[in-house]
Amino acid sequence: GSPLTDEEHIDAIFDGLPEEYDGLITSCLTRSETFTVPQIEASLMHQEERLECHKQRDTTPIQAHTMNS
């Protein structure tokens, strides 16, 4: 019934992430300074943007090849 601490909240966020975020999680957990929940959320948004860019870059050559066939 008591509110979550920032550490508990961050652990819960990390527990729900897929393995594509393992590098970010490791980086956050090994940092000497602790993160706040808003900092973690901002980092996750940046990571999600990077993953989307990689997905788009990985599918673009296939689409171009398919369109030329």
N, C-alpha and C. Protein backbone atom coordinates (compact mmCIF):
# COMPACT_ATOMS: atom_id res chain seq x y z
N GLY A 1 0.76 -1.19 0.00
CA GLY A 1 0.00 0.00 0.00
C GLY A 1 0.82 1.27 0.00
N SER A 2 2.15 1.21 0.22
CA SER A 2 2.93 2.45 0.23
C SER A 2 3.43 2.77 -1.17
N PRO A 3 3.71 4.04 -1.44
CA PRO A 3 4.19 4.42 -2.77
C PRO A 3 5.56 3.79 -3.07
N LEU A 4 5.81 3.58 -4.35
CA LEU A 4 7.10 3.02 -4.78
C LEU A 4 8.20 4.07 -4.63
N THR A 5 9.38 3.61 -4.25
CA THR A 5 10.53 4.49 -4.29
C THR A 5 10.95 4.62 -5.76
N ASP A 6 11.79 5.61 -6.07
CA ASP A 6 12.29 5.75 -7.43
C ASP A 6 13.01 4.47 -7.89
N GLU A 7 13.79 3.91 -7.01
CA GLU A 7 14.53 2.69 -7.34
C GLU A 7 13.58 1.54 -7.67
N GLU A 8 12.54 1.36 -6.89
CA GLU A 8 11.55 0.32 -7.16
C GLU A 8 10.81 0.59 -8.47
N HIS A 9 10.48 1.85 -8.71
CA HIS A 9 9.79 2.23 -9.94
C HIS A 9 10.66 1.93 -11.15
N ILE A 10 11.93 2.31 -11.08
CA ILE A 10 12.87 2.06 -12.18
C ILE A 10 13.07 0.56 -12.39
N ASP A 11 13.20 -0.20 -11.32
CA ASP A 11 13.33 -1.66 -11.44
C ASP A 11 12.11 -2.25 -12.14
N ALA A 12 10.92 -1.76 -11.81
CA ALA A 12 9.69 -2.25 -12.43
C ALA A 12 9.68 -1.91 -13.92
N ILE A 13 10.14 -0.71 -14.27
CA ILE A 13 10.22 -0.32 -15.68
C ILE A 13 11.18 -1.25 -16.41
N PHE A 14 12.37 -1.45 -15.86
CA PHE A 14 13.38 -2.30 -16.50
C PHE A 14 12.89 -3.74 -16.66
N ASP A 15 12.18 -4.24 -15.66
CA ASP A 15 11.68 -5.62 -15.72
C ASP A 15 10.70 -5.83 -16.87
N GLY A 16 10.03 -4.78 -17.31
CA GLY A 16 9.05 -4.90 -18.37
C GLY A 16 9.60 -4.67 -19.77
N LEU A 17 10.89 -4.40 -19.89
CA LEU A 17 11.47 -4.09 -21.20
C LEU A 17 11.98 -5.33 -21.92
N PRO A 18 11.88 -5.34 -23.26
CA PRO A 18 12.43 -6.46 -24.03
C PRO A 18 13.96 -6.39 -24.08
N GLU A 19 14.58 -7.44 -24.59
CA GLU A 19 16.04 -7.54 -24.57
C GLU A 19 16.74 -6.47 -25.41
N GLU A 20 16.04 -5.83 -26.34
CA GLU A 20 16.65 -4.75 -27.13
C GLU A 20 17.13 -3.60 -26.24
N TYR A 21 16.63 -3.54 -25.03
CA TYR A 21 16.99 -2.47 -24.11
C TYR A 21 18.04 -2.89 -23.09
N ASP A 22 18.58 -4.09 -23.22
CA ASP A 22 19.55 -4.59 -22.24
C ASP A 22 20.79 -3.70 -22.12
N GLY A 23 21.28 -3.17 -23.22
CA GLY A 23 22.45 -2.29 -23.17
C GLY A 23 22.17 -1.03 -22.37
N LEU A 24 21.01 -0.45 -22.60
CA LEU A 24 20.62 0.75 -21.86
C LEU A 24 20.46 0.43 -20.38
N ILE A 25 19.83 -0.69 -20.08
CA ILE A 25 19.62 -1.08 -18.68
C ILE A 25 20.97 -1.26 -17.99
N THR A 26 21.88 -1.98 -18.63
CA THR A 26 23.20 -2.20 -18.04
C THR A 26 23.91 -0.87 -17.81
N SER A 27 23.83 0.01 -18.77
CA SER A 27 24.46 1.33 -18.64
C SER A 27 23.89 2.09 -17.45
N CYS A 28 22.60 2.05 -17.30
CA CYS A 28 21.95 2.76 -16.19
C CYS A 28 22.31 2.14 -14.84
N LEU A 29 22.35 0.82 -14.80
CA LEU A 29 22.61 0.15 -13.52
C LEU A 29 24.06 0.26 -13.07
N THR A 30 24.99 0.44 -14.02
CA THR A 30 26.40 0.51 -13.65
C THR A 30 26.88 1.94 -13.44
N ARG A 31 26.02 2.89 -13.66
CA ARG A 31 26.38 4.30 -13.46
C ARG A 31 26.52 4.58 -11.96
N SER A 32 27.50 5.37 -11.60
CA SER A 32 27.73 5.65 -10.18
C SER A 32 26.64 6.55 -9.58
N GLU A 33 26.10 7.48 -10.38
CA GLU A 33 25.01 8.33 -9.91
C GLU A 33 23.68 7.66 -10.22
N THR A 34 22.72 7.84 -9.35
CA THR A 34 21.42 7.25 -9.59
C THR A 34 20.59 8.13 -10.52
N PHE A 35 19.74 7.49 -11.29
CA PHE A 35 18.83 8.17 -12.20
C PHE A 35 17.52 8.45 -11.51
N THR A 36 16.82 9.46 -11.99
CA THR A 36 15.44 9.70 -11.56
C THR A 36 14.52 9.03 -12.58
N VAL A 37 13.28 8.86 -12.22
CA VAL A 37 12.31 8.26 -13.14
C VAL A 37 12.20 9.09 -14.42
N PRO A 38 12.10 10.41 -14.36
CA PRO A 38 12.04 11.19 -15.62
C PRO A 38 13.29 11.01 -16.49
N GLN A 39 14.46 10.89 -15.88
CA GLN A 39 15.68 10.66 -16.66
C GLN A 39 15.63 9.30 -17.36
N ILE A 40 15.14 8.29 -16.67
CA ILE A 40 15.00 6.95 -17.26
C ILE A 40 14.00 7.01 -18.40
N GLU A 41 12.89 7.68 -18.20
CA GLU A 41 11.88 7.79 -19.25
C GLU A 41 12.44 8.49 -20.49
N ALA A 42 13.23 9.54 -20.29
CA ALA A 42 13.85 10.25 -21.42
C ALA A 42 14.85 9.33 -22.14
N SER A 43 15.64 8.59 -21.39
CA SER A 43 16.59 7.65 -21.99
C SER A 43 15.87 6.58 -22.79
N LEU A 44 14.77 6.10 -22.27
CA LEU A 44 13.99 5.08 -22.98
C LEU A 44 13.41 5.63 -24.28
N MET A 45 12.96 6.87 -24.26
CA MET A 45 12.43 7.49 -25.47
C MET A 45 13.52 7.61 -26.53
N HIS A 46 14.71 8.00 -26.12
CA HIS A 46 15.83 8.10 -27.06
C HIS A 46 16.19 6.72 -27.62
N GLN A 47 16.21 5.73 -26.76
CA GLN A 47 16.53 4.36 -27.20
C GLN A 47 15.47 3.87 -28.18
N GLU A 48 14.22 4.14 -27.90
CA GLU A 48 13.14 3.72 -28.79
C GLU A 48 13.28 4.39 -30.16
N GLU A 49 13.63 5.67 -30.17
CA GLU A 49 13.86 6.36 -31.44
C GLU A 49 15.00 5.72 -32.22
N ARG A 50 16.07 5.36 -31.53
CA ARG A 50 17.21 4.71 -32.20
C ARG A 50 16.81 3.36 -32.76
N LEU A 51 16.04 2.60 -32.01
CA LEU A 51 15.60 1.29 -32.50
C LEU A 51 14.73 1.44 -33.74
N GLU A 52 13.85 2.44 -33.74
CA GLU A 52 13.00 2.68 -34.90
C GLU A 52 13.82 3.08 -36.12
N CYS A 53 14.83 3.91 -35.91
CA CYS A 53 15.72 4.30 -37.02
C CYS A 53 16.42 3.08 -37.60
N HIS A 54 16.88 2.20 -36.72
CA HIS A 54 17.56 0.97 -37.18
C HIS A 54 16.60 0.08 -37.95
N LYS A 55 15.37 -0.03 -37.48
CA LYS A 55 14.37 -0.85 -38.18
C LYS A 55 14.09 -0.29 -39.56
N GLN A 56 13.94 1.03 -39.65
CA GLN A 56 13.67 1.66 -40.94
C GLN A 56 14.84 1.48 -41.88
N ARG A 57 16.05 1.64 -41.37
CA ARG A 57 17.24 1.49 -42.20
C ARG A 57 17.39 0.05 -42.67
N ASP A 58 17.06 -0.91 -41.80
CA ASP A 58 17.18 -2.32 -42.15
C ASP A 58 16.14 -2.75 -43.18
N THR A 59 14.97 -2.13 -43.20
CA THR A 59 13.92 -2.54 -44.13
C THR A 59 13.95 -1.76 -45.44
N THR A 60 14.59 -0.61 -45.46
CA THR A 60 14.61 0.22 -46.67
C THR A 60 15.23 -0.50 -47.87
N PRO A 61 16.40 -1.15 -47.78
CA PRO A 61 16.95 -1.83 -48.95
C PRO A 61 16.05 -2.94 -49.48
N ILE A 62 15.37 -3.64 -48.59
CA ILE A 62 14.46 -4.72 -49.01
C ILE A 62 13.30 -4.12 -49.80
N GLN A 63 12.74 -3.03 -49.31
CA GLN A 63 11.63 -2.39 -50.01
C GLN A 63 12.08 -1.88 -51.36
N ALA A 64 13.27 -1.27 -51.44
CA ALA A 64 13.76 -0.75 -52.70
C ALA A 64 13.99 -1.89 -53.69
N HIS A 65 14.53 -3.00 -53.23
CA HIS A 65 14.76 -4.15 -54.09
C HIS A 65 13.44 -4.72 -54.58
N THR A 66 12.46 -4.82 -53.70
CA THR A 66 11.15 -5.35 -54.06
C THR A 66 10.47 -4.45 -55.08
N MET A 67 10.59 -3.14 -54.94
CA MET A 67 9.95 -2.21 -55.85
C MET A 67 10.61 -2.25 -57.24
N ASN A 68 11.91 -2.57 -57.30
CA ASN A 68 12.62 -2.63 -58.57
C ASN A 68 12.42 -3.93 -59.31
N SER A 69 11.87 -4.93 -58.64
CA SER A 69 11.69 -6.26 -59.25
C SER A 69 10.45 -6.30 -60.12
